[in-house]
Amino acid sequence: MKKIEHNPRRTFLKNLGLVAALPLLGTWEAHAGHAVKDRSQLVVLTCNIRVDLPEDAAKGLGWADRREACLAVIKKQQADIIGFQEVLRGQFMDLKEQLSDYIAFGFDGPEMDAFKEGYHGIAKNPIFFSKKRFELRTAGAYWLSETPLKAGSLSWGSARARNASYVRLYDKVAKRELRLTNLHLDHVSNEAKEGQIRVVLEEAAQYQADFPQLLTGDFNVGIDSKVYQDIIQAGWVDSYAAVYPGQKPEGTTHGFKGEDPERKKKSKKIDFIFMKGPWEALSSQIIKDSYRGKLPSDHYFVRANLAYRTT
């Protein structure tokens, strides 16, 4: 009998039920108004925009109060790719309408779980990428559980169902392919966070070591966590730490209190842009901008300027 060669991707799909990647959706025409950077550089953002909650609205901090500020701060960055977290349907439609130079992927599908209000209805971490710069090659999503194909599935004591979205893009400027995965890990259980990131790392490990990959999101952990160390040990590089080696990062959560000294003492950097493969981090920034006195979210957004390495 002929021996069947081991296929790690097939094994992963079989064991975990990972959703198959979407087929090629076509070449997107260039739209005016989005500046194309140097062909070797890429601007990436990760943005937790804070889910639209009635209790926030009662304090003047709801999405209707922050929408203009959020969009203004994001547009100012002129990013090529944006990973979003905590996006409800109404917020998603606002982002799509106002960020018209981007293709948006990652919202459609079953809701997070059976509950329809508050955090439970959160969308699934959409990714926006420049129409002018990229061609979508494939895309998909999976749930961060032991049954990734089952919508809303929970494992390891996760407080809520969580998922990851990914896109594989052809960079028409640099003439290279890249892949970005965007996620939001559990906010309560360390066991859940560790199990969830393990699913992501195993899925991403199926790609060649020299294939350019990015990982964005709200990881709900700091740099002193096992989750962070697991990511680094899997061959990923924290783009912020690469720019500021040995420095303790400022926190990215502020609870709408901005630079309040007491809040800053408790805050950790939990929003990250990781890179794997032939990348170089040129610069990175925790974006603390407000607009007309309004902060866009209870998180600061994070930006990374990256370059493809040629060797």
Protein backbone atom coordinates (compact mmCIF):
# COMPACT_ATOMS: atom_id res chain seq x y z
CA MET A 1 0.00 0.00 0.00
CA LYS A 2 1.28 3.45 -0.90
CA LYS A 3 2.12 5.55 2.12
CA ILE A 4 0.08 8.76 2.34
CA GLU A 5 2.21 11.79 3.12
CA HIS A 6 1.28 13.77 6.20
CA ASN A 7 -0.43 17.06 5.42
CA PRO A 8 -0.42 19.33 8.51
CA ARG A 9 -3.07 21.67 7.11
CA ARG A 10 -5.41 18.79 6.29
CA THR A 11 -4.85 17.38 9.77
CA PHE A 12 -5.67 20.72 11.37
CA LEU A 13 -8.85 21.08 9.35
CA LYS A 14 -9.91 17.53 10.17
CA ASN A 15 -9.18 17.76 13.87
CA LEU A 16 -10.50 21.21 14.54
CA GLY A 17 -13.10 21.67 11.84
CA LEU A 18 -11.58 24.94 10.70
CA VAL A 19 -13.74 26.82 8.27
CA ALA A 20 -12.42 26.64 4.73
CA ALA A 21 -10.99 29.76 3.23
CA LEU A 22 -13.22 31.73 0.92
CA PRO A 23 -12.47 31.60 -2.80
CA LEU A 24 -10.97 34.45 -4.70
CA LEU A 25 -13.46 37.32 -4.68
CA GLY A 26 -12.02 39.30 -7.53
CA THR A 27 -9.72 42.16 -8.25
CA TRP A 28 -10.75 45.45 -6.68
CA GLU A 29 -10.48 48.62 -8.73
CA ALA A 30 -8.44 51.51 -7.38
CA HIS A 31 -10.35 54.31 -5.69
CA ALA A 32 -8.99 57.82 -5.48
CA GLY A 33 -8.19 59.43 -2.16
CA HIS A 34 -6.09 56.74 -0.47
CA ALA A 35 -2.40 57.49 -0.61
CA VAL A 36 -0.12 54.63 -1.61
CA LYS A 37 3.03 54.50 0.48
CA ASP A 38 6.53 53.51 -0.55
CA ARG A 39 6.34 50.03 -2.07
CA SER A 40 8.40 48.53 0.77
CA GLN A 41 6.23 49.99 3.57
CA LEU A 42 2.88 49.13 5.08
CA VAL A 43 0.84 51.01 7.70
CA VAL A 44 -1.17 48.71 9.99
CA LEU A 45 -3.66 49.67 12.71
CA THR A 46 -5.41 47.70 15.42
CA CYS A 47 -8.49 49.46 16.80
CA ASN A 48 -10.77 48.34 19.61
CA ILE A 49 -13.55 50.87 19.05
CA ARG A 50 -15.66 49.90 22.11
CA VAL A 51 -18.98 48.22 21.53
CA ASP A 52 -22.04 50.50 21.47
CA LEU A 53 -23.59 50.15 24.94
CA PRO A 54 -26.67 51.91 26.42
CA GLU A 55 -24.81 52.55 29.69
CA ASP A 56 -22.09 54.40 27.78
CA ALA A 57 -24.70 56.46 25.92
CA ALA A 58 -26.21 57.50 29.26
CA LYS A 59 -22.81 59.01 30.14
CA GLY A 60 -22.33 60.72 26.79
CA LEU A 61 -19.83 58.06 25.73
CA GLY A 62 -21.97 55.99 23.36
CA TRP A 63 -21.16 55.32 19.74
CA ALA A 64 -23.29 58.26 18.57
CA ASP A 65 -21.16 60.52 20.77
CA ARG A 66 -17.84 59.01 19.64
CA ARG A 67 -18.47 58.07 16.01
CA GLU A 68 -17.12 61.28 14.51
CA ALA A 69 -14.02 61.20 16.72
CA CYS A 70 -13.36 57.54 16.01
CA LEU A 71 -13.55 57.99 12.25
CA ALA A 72 -11.47 61.17 12.30
CA VAL A 73 -8.67 59.56 14.30
CA ILE A 74 -8.64 56.48 12.06
CA LYS A 75 -8.72 58.44 8.79
CA LYS A 76 -5.80 60.58 9.92
CA GLN A 77 -3.56 57.51 10.05
CA GLN A 78 -4.04 56.64 6.34
CA ALA A 79 -3.57 52.97 7.16
CA ASP A 80 -3.29 50.24 4.56
CA ILE A 81 -4.86 47.56 6.78
CA ILE A 82 -6.99 47.89 9.93
CA GLY A 83 -7.97 45.17 12.38
CA PHE A 84 -11.09 46.17 14.37
CA GLN A 85 -12.52 44.71 17.57
CA GLU A 86 -15.86 45.23 19.38
CA VAL A 87 -17.90 46.20 16.33
CA LEU A 88 -21.68 45.88 16.41
CA ARG A 89 -23.69 45.81 13.19
CA GLY A 90 -24.60 49.51 13.29
CA GLN A 91 -20.97 50.43 13.93
CA PHE A 92 -19.86 48.16 11.10
CA MET A 93 -22.20 49.90 8.67
CA ASP A 94 -20.90 53.31 9.78
CA LEU A 95 -17.31 52.19 9.27
CA LYS A 96 -18.09 50.79 5.82
CA GLU A 97 -19.86 53.97 4.76
CA GLN A 98 -17.21 56.36 6.01
CA LEU A 99 -14.12 54.30 5.17
CA SER A 100 -15.10 53.90 1.54
CA ASP A 101 -11.52 53.49 0.33
CA TYR A 102 -11.43 50.08 2.04
CA ILE A 103 -12.89 46.64 1.51
CA ALA A 104 -14.42 45.31 4.75
CA PHE A 105 -14.40 41.61 5.62
CA GLY A 106 -15.41 39.60 8.64
CA PHE A 107 -18.83 40.64 9.87
CA ASP A 108 -21.35 38.32 8.21
CA GLY A 109 -22.37 35.10 9.92
CA PRO A 110 -24.06 33.92 13.11
CA GLU A 111 -23.87 36.18 16.12
CA MET A 112 -21.49 35.47 18.99
CA ASP A 113 -24.06 33.58 21.07
CA ALA A 114 -27.76 33.37 21.87
CA PHE A 115 -27.91 36.77 23.59
CA LYS A 116 -28.81 39.79 21.47
CA GLU A 117 -27.84 42.75 23.64
CA GLY A 118 -24.71 44.25 25.14
CA TYR A 119 -21.38 42.61 24.46
CA HIS A 120 -23.00 39.33 23.41
CA GLY A 121 -23.95 40.65 19.99
CA ILE A 122 -20.41 41.74 19.13
CA ALA A 123 -19.39 41.31 15.51
CA LYS A 124 -16.47 39.16 14.65
CA ASN A 125 -13.46 41.45 14.46
CA PRO A 126 -13.70 42.80 10.89
CA ILE A 127 -10.64 43.61 8.79
CA PHE A 128 -10.52 46.63 6.46
CA PHE A 129 -7.93 46.82 3.69
CA SER A 130 -7.16 49.38 1.00
CA LYS A 131 -9.04 48.89 -2.26
CA LYS A 132 -6.30 50.65 -4.13
CA ARG A 133 -3.40 48.66 -2.75
CA PHE A 134 -4.67 45.10 -2.31
CA GLU A 135 -6.34 42.30 -4.17
CA LEU A 136 -8.19 39.80 -1.99
CA ARG A 137 -6.93 36.29 -2.59
CA THR A 138 -8.82 34.43 0.14
CA ALA A 139 -10.44 35.08 3.51
CA GLY A 140 -12.23 33.29 6.30
CA ALA A 141 -13.00 33.07 9.99
CA TYR A 142 -13.04 30.48 12.75
CA TRP A 143 -14.10 30.31 16.36
CA LEU A 144 -11.58 30.23 19.17
CA SER A 145 -12.68 26.98 20.75
CA GLU A 146 -12.15 23.25 20.49
CA THR A 147 -14.81 23.25 17.73
CA PRO A 148 -13.80 26.21 15.50
CA LEU A 149 -16.50 25.52 12.89
CA LYS A 150 -19.36 25.71 15.41
CA ALA A 151 -20.67 29.27 15.65
CA GLY A 152 -20.68 30.69 19.14
CA SER A 153 -18.84 27.70 20.58
CA LEU A 154 -17.22 28.01 24.00
CA SER A 155 -14.24 26.16 25.47
CA TRP A 156 -11.86 26.41 28.43
CA GLY A 157 -14.34 28.43 30.51
CA SER A 158 -14.42 31.38 28.12
CA ALA A 159 -16.85 34.05 29.32
CA ARG A 160 -17.98 34.72 25.75
CA ALA A 161 -17.63 33.15 22.35
CA ARG A 162 -14.61 34.55 20.52
CA ASN A 163 -13.40 34.31 16.96
CA ALA A 164 -10.61 35.22 14.56
CA SER A 165 -10.93 36.63 11.03
CA TYR A 166 -8.20 36.45 8.40
CA VAL A 167 -7.46 37.75 4.92
CA ARG A 168 -4.79 36.75 2.45
CA LEU A 169 -3.95 39.67 0.20
CA TYR A 170 -1.86 40.44 -2.84
CA ASP A 171 -0.06 43.75 -2.38
CA LYS A 172 -0.22 45.32 -5.84
CA VAL A 173 2.35 47.96 -4.88
CA ALA A 174 4.99 45.68 -3.39
CA LYS A 175 3.95 42.75 -5.63
CA ARG A 176 3.91 40.34 -2.69
CA GLU A 177 1.36 38.33 -0.75
CA LEU A 178 0.66 38.68 2.95
CA ARG A 179 -1.81 37.36 5.47
CA LEU A 180 -3.42 39.10 8.44
CA THR A 181 -5.34 37.47 11.29
CA ASN A 182 -7.40 39.66 13.61
CA LEU A 183 -8.81 38.55 16.98
CA HIS A 184 -10.14 39.45 20.41
CA LEU A 185 -9.30 37.02 23.22
CA ASP A 186 -11.39 36.28 26.31
CA HIS A 187 -11.36 38.95 28.98
CA VAL A 188 -11.74 36.77 32.09
CA SER A 189 -10.21 33.30 31.97
CA ASN A 190 -6.46 32.82 31.53
CA GLU A 191 -7.09 29.20 30.57
CA ALA A 192 -9.44 30.40 27.84
CA LYS A 193 -6.95 32.95 26.53
CA GLU A 194 -4.21 30.33 26.40
CA GLY A 195 -6.45 27.84 24.61
CA GLN A 196 -7.72 30.45 22.16
CA ILE A 197 -4.28 31.68 21.17
CA ARG A 198 -3.14 28.08 20.76
CA VAL A 199 -5.81 27.60 18.07
CA VAL A 200 -4.59 30.72 16.25
CA LEU A 201 -0.90 29.82 16.47
CA GLU A 202 -1.49 26.28 15.24
CA GLU A 203 -3.54 27.52 12.29
CA ALA A 204 -0.94 30.14 11.33
CA ALA A 205 1.93 27.65 11.70
CA GLN A 206 0.73 25.81 8.62
CA TYR A 207 2.19 28.54 6.45
CA GLN A 208 5.83 28.61 5.42
CA ALA A 209 8.18 30.39 7.79
CA ASP A 210 9.03 32.97 5.11
CA PHE A 211 5.39 33.80 4.28
CA PRO A 212 4.59 37.33 5.55
CA GLN A 213 1.95 37.15 8.29
CA LEU A 214 0.49 39.73 10.66
CA LEU A 215 -1.55 39.24 13.82
CA THR A 216 -3.60 42.10 15.25
CA GLY A 217 -6.06 42.42 18.06
CA ASP A 218 -7.05 42.95 21.65
CA PHE A 219 -5.32 40.09 23.47
CA ASN A 220 -6.55 41.07 26.95
CA VAL A 221 -3.09 40.27 28.36
CA GLY A 222 0.13 42.17 28.94
CA ILE A 223 3.71 41.35 27.98
CA ASP A 224 4.21 39.43 31.24
CA SER A 225 1.58 36.81 30.35
CA LYS A 226 1.91 33.23 29.16
CA VAL A 227 -0.18 34.12 26.11
CA TYR A 228 2.35 36.76 25.05
CA GLN A 229 5.26 34.40 25.62
CA ASP A 230 3.52 31.64 23.65
CA ILE A 231 3.17 34.02 20.70
CA ILE A 232 6.84 35.00 20.84
CA GLN A 233 7.98 31.39 21.19
CA ALA A 234 5.92 30.51 18.10
CA GLY A 235 8.15 32.81 16.06
CA TRP A 236 6.11 36.01 16.09
CA VAL A 237 7.65 39.42 16.77
CA ASP A 238 5.91 42.24 18.65
CA SER A 239 6.31 45.20 16.28
CA TYR A 240 6.16 47.71 19.14
CA ALA A 241 8.82 45.88 21.16
CA ALA A 242 10.98 45.65 18.05
CA VAL A 243 10.99 49.45 17.80
CA TYR A 244 11.42 50.00 21.55
CA PRO A 245 13.48 47.01 22.74
CA GLY A 246 13.73 46.60 26.49
CA GLN A 247 11.21 49.34 27.25
CA LYS A 248 8.08 48.71 29.27
CA PRO A 249 5.19 49.82 27.05
CA GLU A 250 2.50 52.24 28.15
CA GLY A 251 -0.99 50.86 28.59
CA THR A 252 -3.58 50.94 25.83
CA THR A 253 -6.70 50.86 28.02
CA HIS A 254 -7.92 54.03 29.75
CA GLY A 255 -11.65 53.64 30.45
CA PHE A 256 -12.36 57.02 28.79
CA LYS A 257 -10.11 58.68 31.36
CA GLY A 258 -7.27 59.36 28.97
CA GLU A 259 -4.02 60.23 30.68
CA ASP A 260 -5.43 60.15 34.20
CA PRO A 261 -2.36 59.29 36.36
CA GLU A 262 -4.11 56.74 38.56
CA ARG A 263 -5.59 55.00 35.57
CA LYS A 264 -2.23 54.92 33.79
CA LYS A 265 -0.65 53.09 36.72
CA LYS A 266 -3.10 50.21 36.31
CA SER A 267 -3.18 50.08 32.53
CA LYS A 268 -1.34 47.48 30.43
CA LYS A 269 -0.63 47.34 26.75
CA ILE A 270 -3.07 44.66 25.62
CA ASP A 271 -3.47 45.71 21.97
CA PHE A 272 -0.74 44.38 19.69
CA ILE A 273 0.47 44.09 16.12
CA PHE A 274 2.63 40.99 15.75
CA MET A 275 4.57 40.04 12.63
CA LYS A 276 6.02 36.78 11.35
CA GLY A 277 8.24 36.23 8.34
CA PRO A 278 10.21 38.81 6.34
CA TRP A 279 9.17 42.00 8.13
CA GLU A 280 10.98 44.93 9.68
CA ALA A 281 9.26 47.30 12.11
CA LEU A 282 10.19 50.86 11.15
CA SER A 283 8.08 52.63 13.76
CA SER A 284 5.21 52.01 16.15
CA GLN A 285 2.90 54.27 18.07
CA ILE A 286 0.15 54.16 20.68
CA ILE A 287 -2.30 56.69 19.24
CA LYS A 288 -3.62 58.99 21.93
CA ASP A 289 -5.45 61.42 19.65
CA SER A 290 -8.82 62.87 20.52
CA TYR A 291 -11.12 64.87 18.26
CA ARG A 292 -13.05 67.92 19.43
CA GLY A 293 -12.57 66.84 23.00
CA LYS A 294 -13.77 63.27 22.44
CA LEU A 295 -11.72 60.11 22.78
CA PRO A 296 -12.64 57.58 20.08
CA SER A 297 -12.76 54.57 22.42
CA ASP A 298 -11.83 53.29 25.87
CA HIS A 299 -8.70 51.87 24.19
CA TYR A 300 -5.91 53.72 22.48
CA PHE A 301 -5.36 52.46 18.96
CA VAL A 302 -1.96 51.06 17.94
CA ARG A 303 -0.11 51.75 14.69
CA ALA A 304 2.89 50.05 13.12
CA ASN A 305 4.87 51.11 10.05
CA LEU A 306 6.33 47.94 8.60
CA ALA A 307 8.61 47.12 5.68
CA TYR A 308 9.04 43.93 3.71
CA ARG A 309 12.55 42.55 4.03
CA THR A 310 14.14 41.59 0.75
CA THR A 311 16.66 39.14 2.22
